Amino acid sequence: MGRSLSLVSTRNKLRHPNILFFYGVCVDPTLPLVVMEYCKYGNVLSYLRNRPIQTLNPNRIQLVNSSKAYDIARGIKYLHDQKIVHSDLKAVNILVNSKPQAVLADFGLSSLLQDIRTRSRTAGGNIQNVGTPYWTAPEIYNGKRMTEKSDIYSMGLTIWELFSGEPPYQVDLLVNFVLILNGRPERPSNLEEDDEIWKIIQKCWDSSPELRPSAKEVQANIGRLCSDSIEGNSG
């Protein structure tokens, strides 16, 4: 339980508008529970799919998508500033609260529940501790450890999800493995080849970790795009 309690202590110290608020945990192995902030809109893809009809202007859609991408980058920057790697970033692990802000969820919680379950003799099912294959950086398949740069790779795919509205690969895992090493998803139809968001996505999922931008750089670039979009819409 030492690792679990350490994780709870670390998680409980995180306070940021784009990090899901964590209240506490029940460590009873027969009924492990994590108590977190309630997010009325569910995950970010559900939120984007269920927007009110008045927001369906193409420019408005791009701005909303970009603002959620900004929230994600801002949350990741905060984690990286705290020397924390998310390790499982994807759209279904990003929730939208009542404000509505995108908040990062699930980092460390799956492994926490697994640690608690191992105290019980009752089988608790398999939980993947680190990463999800479709969003995992290629260097991880070569035995490298998860780093801030592998988070950036996952963030590129996650931002791609916001604009495409679907998971990055519609194929089985074996084919997906080949794609991750040798290819990337196609450009979403609502992004032009010279669109700045598309350029950011491509930089994030570069095969070379050292060529990927930092979360701070991604946040700054998307923030500038959001500001330009607001000024353009008001002009």
C-alpha atoms as a PDB file:
ATOM      1  CA  MET A   1       0.000   0.000   0.000  1.00  0.00           C
ATOM      2  CA  GLY A   2       2.993   2.317   0.295  1.00  0.00           C
ATOM      3  CA  ARG A   3       2.956   3.125  -3.415  1.00  0.00           C
ATOM      4  CA  SER A   4      -0.809   3.684  -3.359  1.00  0.00           C
ATOM      5  CA  LEU A   5      -0.636   6.088  -0.427  1.00  0.00           C
ATOM      6  CA  SER A   6       2.223   7.965  -2.063  1.00  0.00           C
ATOM      7  CA  LEU A   7       0.165   8.296  -5.242  1.00  0.00           C
ATOM      8  CA  VAL A   8      -2.848   9.529  -3.257  1.00  0.00           C
ATOM      9  CA  SER A   9      -0.665  12.110  -1.519  1.00  0.00           C
ATOM     10  CA  THR A  10       0.774  13.358  -4.807  1.00  0.00           C
ATOM     11  CA  ARG A  11      -2.595  13.418  -6.553  1.00  0.00           C
ATOM     12  CA  ASN A  12      -4.222  15.283  -3.666  1.00  0.00           C
ATOM     13  CA  LYS A  13      -1.715  18.131  -3.948  1.00  0.00           C
ATOM     14  CA  LEU A  14      -2.539  18.913  -7.580  1.00  0.00           C
ATOM     15  CA  ARG A  15      -4.642  22.062  -7.932  1.00  0.00           C
ATOM     16  CA  HIS A  16      -5.231  23.483 -11.395  1.00  0.00           C
ATOM     17  CA  PRO A  17      -8.282  24.547 -13.455  1.00  0.00           C
ATOM     18  CA  ASN A  18      -7.501  21.901 -16.093  1.00  0.00           C
ATOM     19  CA  ILE A  19      -6.835  19.006 -13.709  1.00  0.00           C
ATOM     20  CA  LEU A  20      -9.784  16.970 -12.422  1.00  0.00           C
ATOM     21  CA  PHE A  21     -10.272  17.750  -8.730  1.00  0.00           C
ATOM     22  CA  PHE A  22      -9.469  14.763  -6.542  1.00  0.00           C
ATOM     23  CA  TYR A  23     -11.262  14.419  -3.199  1.00  0.00           C
ATOM     24  CA  GLY A  24      -9.902  11.118  -1.925  1.00  0.00           C
ATOM     25  CA  VAL A  25      -9.927   7.346  -2.109  1.00  0.00           C
ATOM     26  CA  CYS A  26     -11.449   4.396  -0.272  1.00  0.00           C
ATOM     27  CA  VAL A  27      -8.745   1.775   0.236  1.00  0.00           C
ATOM     28  CA  ASP A  28     -11.052  -1.118   1.132  1.00  0.00           C
ATOM     29  CA  PRO A  29      -9.878  -3.829  -1.334  1.00  0.00           C
ATOM     30  CA  THR A  30     -13.413  -5.233  -1.613  1.00  0.00           C
ATOM     31  CA  LEU A  31     -14.773  -1.892  -2.818  1.00  0.00           C
ATOM     32  CA  PRO A  32     -12.007   0.440  -4.018  1.00  0.00           C
ATOM     33  CA  LEU A  33     -13.366   3.888  -4.789  1.00  0.00           C
ATOM     34  CA  VAL A  34     -11.896   7.119  -6.071  1.00  0.00           C
ATOM     35  CA  VAL A  35     -13.895  10.277  -5.295  1.00  0.00           C
ATOM     36  CA  MET A  36     -13.470  13.033  -7.871  1.00  0.00           C
ATOM     37  CA  GLU A  37     -15.078  16.201  -9.206  1.00  0.00           C
ATOM     38  CA  TYR A  38     -18.351  15.666 -11.090  1.00  0.00           C
ATOM     39  CA  CYS A  39     -18.157  16.732 -14.735  1.00  0.00           C
ATOM     40  CA  LYS A  40     -21.672  17.187 -16.098  1.00  0.00           C
ATOM     41  CA  TYR A  41     -20.712  17.098 -19.787  1.00  0.00           C
ATOM     42  CA  GLY A  42     -18.818  13.800 -19.713  1.00  0.00           C
ATOM     43  CA  ASN A  43     -15.733  13.351 -21.866  1.00  0.00           C
ATOM     44  CA  VAL A  44     -14.625  16.018 -24.298  1.00  0.00           C
ATOM     45  CA  LEU A  45     -15.762  14.136 -27.419  1.00  0.00           C
ATOM     46  CA  SER A  46     -19.287  13.769 -26.013  1.00  0.00           C
ATOM     47  CA  TYR A  47     -19.304  17.472 -25.224  1.00  0.00           C
ATOM     48  CA  LEU A  48     -18.189  18.448 -28.722  1.00  0.00           C
ATOM     49  CA  ARG A  49     -20.718  16.127 -30.391  1.00  0.00           C
ATOM     50  CA  ASN A  50     -23.610  17.486 -28.327  1.00  0.00           C
ATOM     51  CA  ARG A  51     -23.052  21.211 -28.724  1.00  0.00           C
ATOM     52  CA  PRO A  52     -26.169  23.388 -29.048  1.00  0.00           C
ATOM     53  CA  ILE A  53     -27.239  24.086 -32.629  1.00  0.00           C
ATOM     54  CA  GLN A  54     -26.332  27.782 -32.358  1.00  0.00           C
ATOM     55  CA  THR A  55     -22.650  26.876 -32.039  1.00  0.00           C
ATOM     56  CA  LEU A  56     -22.504  24.980 -35.320  1.00  0.00           C
ATOM     57  CA  ASN A  57     -21.074  27.869 -37.360  1.00  0.00           C
ATOM     58  CA  PRO A  58     -17.812  26.462 -38.826  1.00  0.00           C
ATOM     59  CA  ASN A  59     -15.687  29.256 -37.368  1.00  0.00           C
ATOM     60  CA  ARG A  60     -17.306  28.789 -33.982  1.00  0.00           C
ATOM     61  CA  ILE A  61     -16.694  25.031 -34.109  1.00  0.00           C
ATOM     62  CA  GLN A  62     -13.002  25.612 -34.824  1.00  0.00           C
ATOM     63  CA  LEU A  63     -12.776  28.055 -31.923  1.00  0.00           C
ATOM     64  CA  VAL A  64     -14.474  25.657 -29.484  1.00  0.00           C
ATOM     65  CA  ASN A  65     -12.240  22.783 -30.623  1.00  0.00           C
ATOM     66  CA  SER A  66      -9.163  24.974 -30.296  1.00  0.00           C
ATOM     67  CA  SER A  67     -10.181  26.201 -26.843  1.00  0.00           C
ATOM     68  CA  LYS A  68     -10.468  22.621 -25.609  1.00  0.00           C
ATOM     69  CA  ALA A  69      -7.070  21.830 -27.154  1.00  0.00           C
ATOM     70  CA  TYR A  70      -5.722  24.837 -25.244  1.00  0.00           C
ATOM     71  CA  ASP A  71      -7.181  23.482 -21.989  1.00  0.00           C
ATOM     72  CA  ILE A  72      -5.488  20.134 -22.622  1.00  0.00           C
ATOM     73  CA  ALA A  73      -2.103  21.719 -23.336  1.00  0.00           C
ATOM     74  CA  ARG A  74      -2.444  23.922 -20.261  1.00  0.00           C
ATOM     75  CA  GLY A  75      -3.199  20.927 -18.052  1.00  0.00           C
ATOM     76  CA  ILE A  76      -0.289  18.923 -19.476  1.00  0.00           C
ATOM     77  CA  LYS A  77       2.066  21.873 -18.964  1.00  0.00           C
ATOM     78  CA  TYR A  78       1.029  22.001 -15.306  1.00  0.00           C
ATOM     79  CA  LEU A  79       1.673  18.277 -14.848  1.00  0.00           C
ATOM     80  CA  HIS A  80       5.055  18.522 -16.536  1.00  0.00           C
ATOM     81  CA  ASP A  81       5.949  21.504 -14.342  1.00  0.00           C
ATOM     82  CA  GLN A  82       5.237  19.203 -11.378  1.00  0.00           C
ATOM     83  CA  LYS A  83       7.490  16.513 -12.929  1.00  0.00           C
ATOM     84  CA  ILE A  84       4.466  14.281 -13.566  1.00  0.00           C
ATOM     85  CA  VAL A  85       3.895  12.322 -16.789  1.00  0.00           C
ATOM     86  CA  HIS A  86       0.228  11.631 -17.560  1.00  0.00           C
ATOM     87  CA  SER A  87       1.026   8.416 -19.511  1.00  0.00           C
ATOM     88  CA  ASP A  88      -2.517   7.780 -20.791  1.00  0.00           C
ATOM     89  CA  LEU A  89      -3.677  10.926 -22.543  1.00  0.00           C
ATOM     90  CA  LYS A  90      -6.628  10.494 -24.929  1.00  0.00           C
ATOM     91  CA  ALA A  91      -9.994  12.161 -25.457  1.00  0.00           C
ATOM     92  CA  VAL A  92     -12.009   9.771 -23.274  1.00  0.00           C
ATOM     93  CA  ASN A  93      -9.696  10.622 -20.361  1.00  0.00           C
ATOM     94  CA  ILE A  94     -10.491  14.318 -20.696  1.00  0.00           C
ATOM     95  CA  LEU A  95     -13.710  15.511 -19.074  1.00  0.00           C
ATOM     96  CA  VAL A  96     -15.628  18.789 -19.370  1.00  0.00           C
ATOM     97  CA  ASN A  97     -16.915  20.475 -16.234  1.00  0.00           C
ATOM     98  CA  SER A  98     -19.763  22.959 -15.833  1.00  0.00           C
ATOM     99  CA  LYS A  99     -17.645  26.026 -16.715  1.00  0.00           C
ATOM    100  CA  PRO A 100     -17.145  24.377 -19.363  1.00  0.00           C
ATOM    101  CA  GLN A 101     -13.418  23.642 -19.128  1.00  0.00           C
ATOM    102  CA  ALA A 102     -11.616  20.524 -20.265  1.00  0.00           C
ATOM    103  CA  VAL A 103      -9.916  18.781 -17.335  1.00  0.00           C
ATOM    104  CA  LEU A 104      -7.384  15.959 -17.441  1.00  0.00           C
ATOM    105  CA  ALA A 105      -8.457  12.781 -15.679  1.00  0.00           C
ATOM    106  CA  ASP A 106      -7.336   9.192 -15.020  1.00  0.00           C
ATOM    107  CA  PHE A 107      -3.572   9.671 -14.742  1.00  0.00           C
ATOM    108  CA  GLY A 108      -2.380   7.303 -12.044  1.00  0.00           C
ATOM    109  CA  LEU A 109      -5.891   6.325 -10.977  1.00  0.00           C
ATOM    110  CA  SER A 110      -6.031   3.026 -12.860  1.00  0.00           C
ATOM    111  CA  SER A 111      -2.772   1.887 -11.295  1.00  0.00           C
ATOM    112  CA  LEU A 112      -3.994   3.112  -7.910  1.00  0.00           C
ATOM    113  CA  LEU A 113      -7.116   0.960  -8.095  1.00  0.00           C
ATOM    114  CA  GLN A 114      -5.017  -1.978  -9.257  1.00  0.00           C
ATOM    115  CA  ASP A 115      -2.726  -1.578  -6.246  1.00  0.00           C
ATOM    116  CA  ILE A 116      -5.721  -1.588  -3.924  1.00  0.00           C
ATOM    117  CA  ARG A 117      -7.246  -4.635  -5.617  1.00  0.00           C
ATOM    118  CA  THR A 118      -4.057  -6.654  -5.213  1.00  0.00           C
ATOM    119  CA  ARG A 119      -4.637  -6.574  -1.469  1.00  0.00           C
ATOM    120  CA  SER A 120      -7.724  -8.718  -1.969  1.00  0.00           C
ATOM    121  CA  ARG A 121      -7.793 -12.402  -2.877  1.00  0.00           C
ATOM    122  CA  THR A 122     -10.671 -11.690  -5.209  1.00  0.00           C
ATOM    123  CA  ALA A 123      -9.638 -11.224  -8.822  1.00  0.00           C
ATOM    124  CA  GLY A 124     -10.130  -7.626  -9.824  1.00  0.00           C
ATOM    125  CA  GLY A 125      -9.804  -7.835 -13.582  1.00  0.00           C
ATOM    126  CA  ASN A 126      -7.031  -6.510 -15.767  1.00  0.00           C
ATOM    127  CA  ILE A 127      -6.304  -2.822 -15.817  1.00  0.00           C
ATOM    128  CA  GLN A 128      -3.726  -1.348 -18.100  1.00  0.00           C
ATOM    129  CA  ASN A 129      -1.311   0.648 -15.985  1.00  0.00           C
ATOM    130  CA  VAL A 130       0.463   2.751 -18.559  1.00  0.00           C
ATOM    131  CA  GLY A 131      -0.782   4.046 -21.867  1.00  0.00           C
ATOM    132  CA  THR A 132      -3.240   2.882 -24.493  1.00  0.00           C
ATOM    133  CA  PRO A 133      -1.714   1.424 -27.693  1.00  0.00           C
ATOM    134  CA  TYR A 134      -3.486   3.732 -30.163  1.00  0.00           C
ATOM    135  CA  TRP A 135      -2.096   6.811 -28.390  1.00  0.00           C
ATOM    136  CA  THR A 136       1.288   5.445 -27.309  1.00  0.00           C
ATOM    137  CA  ALA A 137       4.448   7.014 -28.720  1.00  0.00           C
ATOM    138  CA  PRO A 138       6.509   4.731 -31.018  1.00  0.00           C
ATOM    139  CA  GLU A 139       9.628   4.881 -28.850  1.00  0.00           C
ATOM    140  CA  ILE A 140       7.724   3.133 -26.046  1.00  0.00           C
ATOM    141  CA  TYR A 141       7.437   0.056 -28.283  1.00  0.00           C
ATOM    142  CA  ASN A 142      11.231   0.114 -28.510  1.00  0.00           C
ATOM    143  CA  GLY A 143      11.643  -0.199 -24.765  1.00  0.00           C
ATOM    144  CA  LYS A 144      11.960   3.477 -23.864  1.00  0.00           C
ATOM    145  CA  ARG A 145      10.261   4.797 -20.737  1.00  0.00           C
ATOM    146  CA  MET A 146       7.322   7.190 -20.674  1.00  0.00           C
ATOM    147  CA  THR A 147       8.442  10.838 -20.628  1.00  0.00           C
ATOM    148  CA  GLU A 148       7.011  14.308 -21.125  1.00  0.00           C
ATOM    149  CA  LYS A 149       7.731  13.865 -24.838  1.00  0.00           C
ATOM    150  CA  SER A 150       5.605  10.708 -25.022  1.00  0.00           C
ATOM    151  CA  ASP A 151       2.784  12.757 -23.459  1.00  0.00           C
ATOM    152  CA  ILE A 152       3.237  15.312 -26.244  1.00  0.00           C
ATOM    153  CA  TYR A 153       2.879  12.562 -28.854  1.00  0.00           C
ATOM    154  CA  SER A 154      -0.367  11.441 -27.209  1.00  0.00           C
ATOM    155  CA  MET A 155      -1.529  15.050 -27.047  1.00  0.00           C
ATOM    156  CA  GLY A 156      -1.086  15.395 -30.809  1.00  0.00           C
ATOM    157  CA  LEU A 157      -3.368  12.411 -31.377  1.00  0.00           C
ATOM    158  CA  THR A 158      -5.817  13.724 -28.783  1.00  0.00           C
ATOM    159  CA  ILE A 159      -6.057  17.124 -30.470  1.00  0.00           C
ATOM    160  CA  TRP A 160      -6.536  15.270 -33.755  1.00  0.00           C
ATOM    161  CA  GLU A 161      -9.503  13.505 -32.106  1.00  0.00           C
ATOM    162  CA  LEU A 162     -11.102  16.849 -31.230  1.00  0.00           C
ATOM    163  CA  PHE A 163     -11.157  17.897 -34.874  1.00  0.00           C
ATOM    164  CA  SER A 164     -11.940  14.510 -36.429  1.00  0.00           C
ATOM    165  CA  GLY A 165     -14.463  13.341 -33.828  1.00  0.00           C
ATOM    166  CA  GLU A 166     -13.167   9.754 -33.897  1.00  0.00           C
ATOM    167  CA  PRO A 167     -10.316   7.580 -32.567  1.00  0.00           C
ATOM    168  CA  PRO A 168      -7.006   7.862 -34.439  1.00  0.00           C
ATOM    169  CA  TYR A 169      -7.040   4.396 -36.028  1.00  0.00           C
ATOM    170  CA  GLN A 170     -10.032   2.341 -37.193  1.00  0.00           C
ATOM    171  CA  VAL A 171      -8.073  -0.900 -37.507  1.00  0.00           C
ATOM    172  CA  ASP A 172      -7.073  -3.906 -35.434  1.00  0.00           C
ATOM    173  CA  LEU A 173      -4.178  -3.710 -33.016  1.00  0.00           C
ATOM    174  CA  LEU A 174      -1.605  -5.473 -35.201  1.00  0.00           C
ATOM    175  CA  VAL A 175      -2.193  -3.146 -38.135  1.00  0.00           C
ATOM    176  CA  ASN A 176      -2.280  -0.224 -35.720  1.00  0.00           C
ATOM    177  CA  PHE A 177       1.147  -1.195 -34.395  1.00  0.00           C
ATOM    178  CA  VAL A 178       2.581  -0.901 -37.900  1.00  0.00           C
ATOM    179  CA  LEU A 179       0.820   2.427 -38.437  1.00  0.00           C
ATOM    180  CA  ILE A 180       2.169   3.901 -35.220  1.00  0.00           C
ATOM    181  CA  LEU A 181       5.722   3.072 -36.237  1.00  0.00           C
ATOM    182  CA  ASN A 182       5.400   4.115 -39.879  1.00  0.00           C
ATOM    183  CA  GLY A 183       2.413   6.406 -40.348  1.00  0.00           C
ATOM    184  CA  ARG A 184      -0.079   8.771 -38.798  1.00  0.00           C
ATOM    185  CA  PRO A 185      -3.821   9.461 -39.192  1.00  0.00           C
ATOM    186  CA  GLU A 186      -4.867  11.536 -42.185  1.00  0.00           C
ATOM    187  CA  ARG A 187      -5.608  15.233 -41.871  1.00  0.00           C
ATOM    188  CA  PRO A 188      -9.195  15.845 -40.668  1.00  0.00           C
ATOM    189  CA  SER A 189     -11.430  17.182 -43.438  1.00  0.00           C
ATOM    190  CA  ASN A 190     -12.169  20.366 -41.484  1.00  0.00           C
ATOM    191  CA  LEU A 191      -8.489  21.346 -41.353  1.00  0.00           C
ATOM    192  CA  GLU A 192      -6.578  22.775 -44.305  1.00  0.00           C
ATOM    193  CA  GLU A 193      -3.044  21.661 -45.154  1.00  0.00           C
ATOM    194  CA  ASP A 194      -1.658  25.015 -43.982  1.00  0.00           C
ATOM    195  CA  ASP A 195      -3.886  25.251 -40.902  1.00  0.00           C
ATOM    196  CA  GLU A 196      -1.816  26.105 -37.838  1.00  0.00           C
ATOM    197  CA  ILE A 197      -3.584  23.506 -35.686  1.00  0.00           C
ATOM    198  CA  TRP A 198      -2.672  20.808 -38.221  1.00  0.00           C
ATOM    199  CA  LYS A 199       0.958  21.938 -38.092  1.00  0.00           C
ATOM    200  CA  ILE A 200       0.901  21.738 -34.291  1.00  0.00           C
ATOM    201  CA  ILE A 201      -0.565  18.219 -34.406  1.00  0.00           C
ATOM    202  CA  GLN A 202       2.138  17.057 -36.823  1.00  0.00           C
ATOM    203  CA  LYS A 203       4.904  18.489 -34.644  1.00  0.00           C
ATOM    204  CA  CYS A 204       3.484  16.775 -31.567  1.00  0.00           C
ATOM    205  CA  TRP A 205       3.462  13.308 -33.123  1.00  0.00           C
ATOM    206  CA  ASP A 206       6.897  13.541 -34.722  1.00  0.00           C
ATOM    207  CA  SER A 207       8.696  10.181 -34.627  1.00  0.00           C
ATOM    208  CA  SER A 208      11.689  11.790 -32.921  1.00  0.00           C
ATOM    209  CA  PRO A 209      10.883  12.747 -29.312  1.00  0.00           C
ATOM    210  CA  GLU A 210      13.501  15.504 -29.298  1.00  0.00           C
ATOM    211  CA  LEU A 211      11.738  17.243 -32.208  1.00  0.00           C
ATOM    212  CA  ARG A 212       8.381  17.408 -30.441  1.00  0.00           C
ATOM    213  CA  PRO A 213       7.501  20.746 -28.831  1.00  0.00           C
ATOM    214  CA  SER A 214       7.084  21.206 -25.102  1.00  0.00           C
ATOM    215  CA  ALA A 215       3.639  21.535 -23.535  1.00  0.00           C
ATOM    216  CA  LYS A 216       4.475  25.188 -22.874  1.00  0.00           C
ATOM    217  CA  GLU A 217       5.091  25.771 -26.584  1.00  0.00           C
ATOM    218  CA  VAL A 218       1.883  23.976 -27.593  1.00  0.00           C
ATOM    219  CA  GLN A 219      -0.128  25.975 -25.063  1.00  0.00           C
ATOM    220  CA  ALA A 220       1.350  29.264 -26.292  1.00  0.00           C
ATOM    221  CA  ASN A 221       0.739  28.463 -29.971  1.00  0.00           C
ATOM    222  CA  ILE A 222      -2.855  27.325 -29.469  1.00  0.00           C
ATOM    223  CA  GLY A 223      -3.525  30.265 -27.150  1.00  0.00           C
ATOM    224  CA  ARG A 224      -2.408  32.633 -29.879  1.00  0.00           C
ATOM    225  CA  LEU A 225      -4.692  30.908 -32.399  1.00  0.00           C
ATOM    226  CA  CYS A 226      -7.657  31.199 -30.024  1.00  0.00           C
ATOM    227  CA  SER A 227      -6.964  34.909 -29.504  1.00  0.00           C
ATOM    228  CA  ASP A 228      -6.692  35.493 -33.249  1.00  0.00           C
ATOM    229  CA  SER A 229      -9.977  33.619 -33.831  1.00  0.00           C
ATOM    230  CA  ILE A 230     -11.822  35.683 -31.222  1.00  0.00           C
ATOM    231  CA  GLU A 231     -10.510  38.921 -32.721  1.00  0.00           C
ATOM    232  CA  GLY A 232     -11.430  37.743 -36.218  1.00  0.00           C
ATOM    233  CA  ASN A 233     -14.975  36.844 -35.198  1.00  0.00           C
ATOM    234  CA  SER A 234     -15.499  40.163 -33.442  1.00  0.00           C
ATOM    235  CA  GLY A 235     -14.085  42.252 -36.232  1.00  0.00           C
END
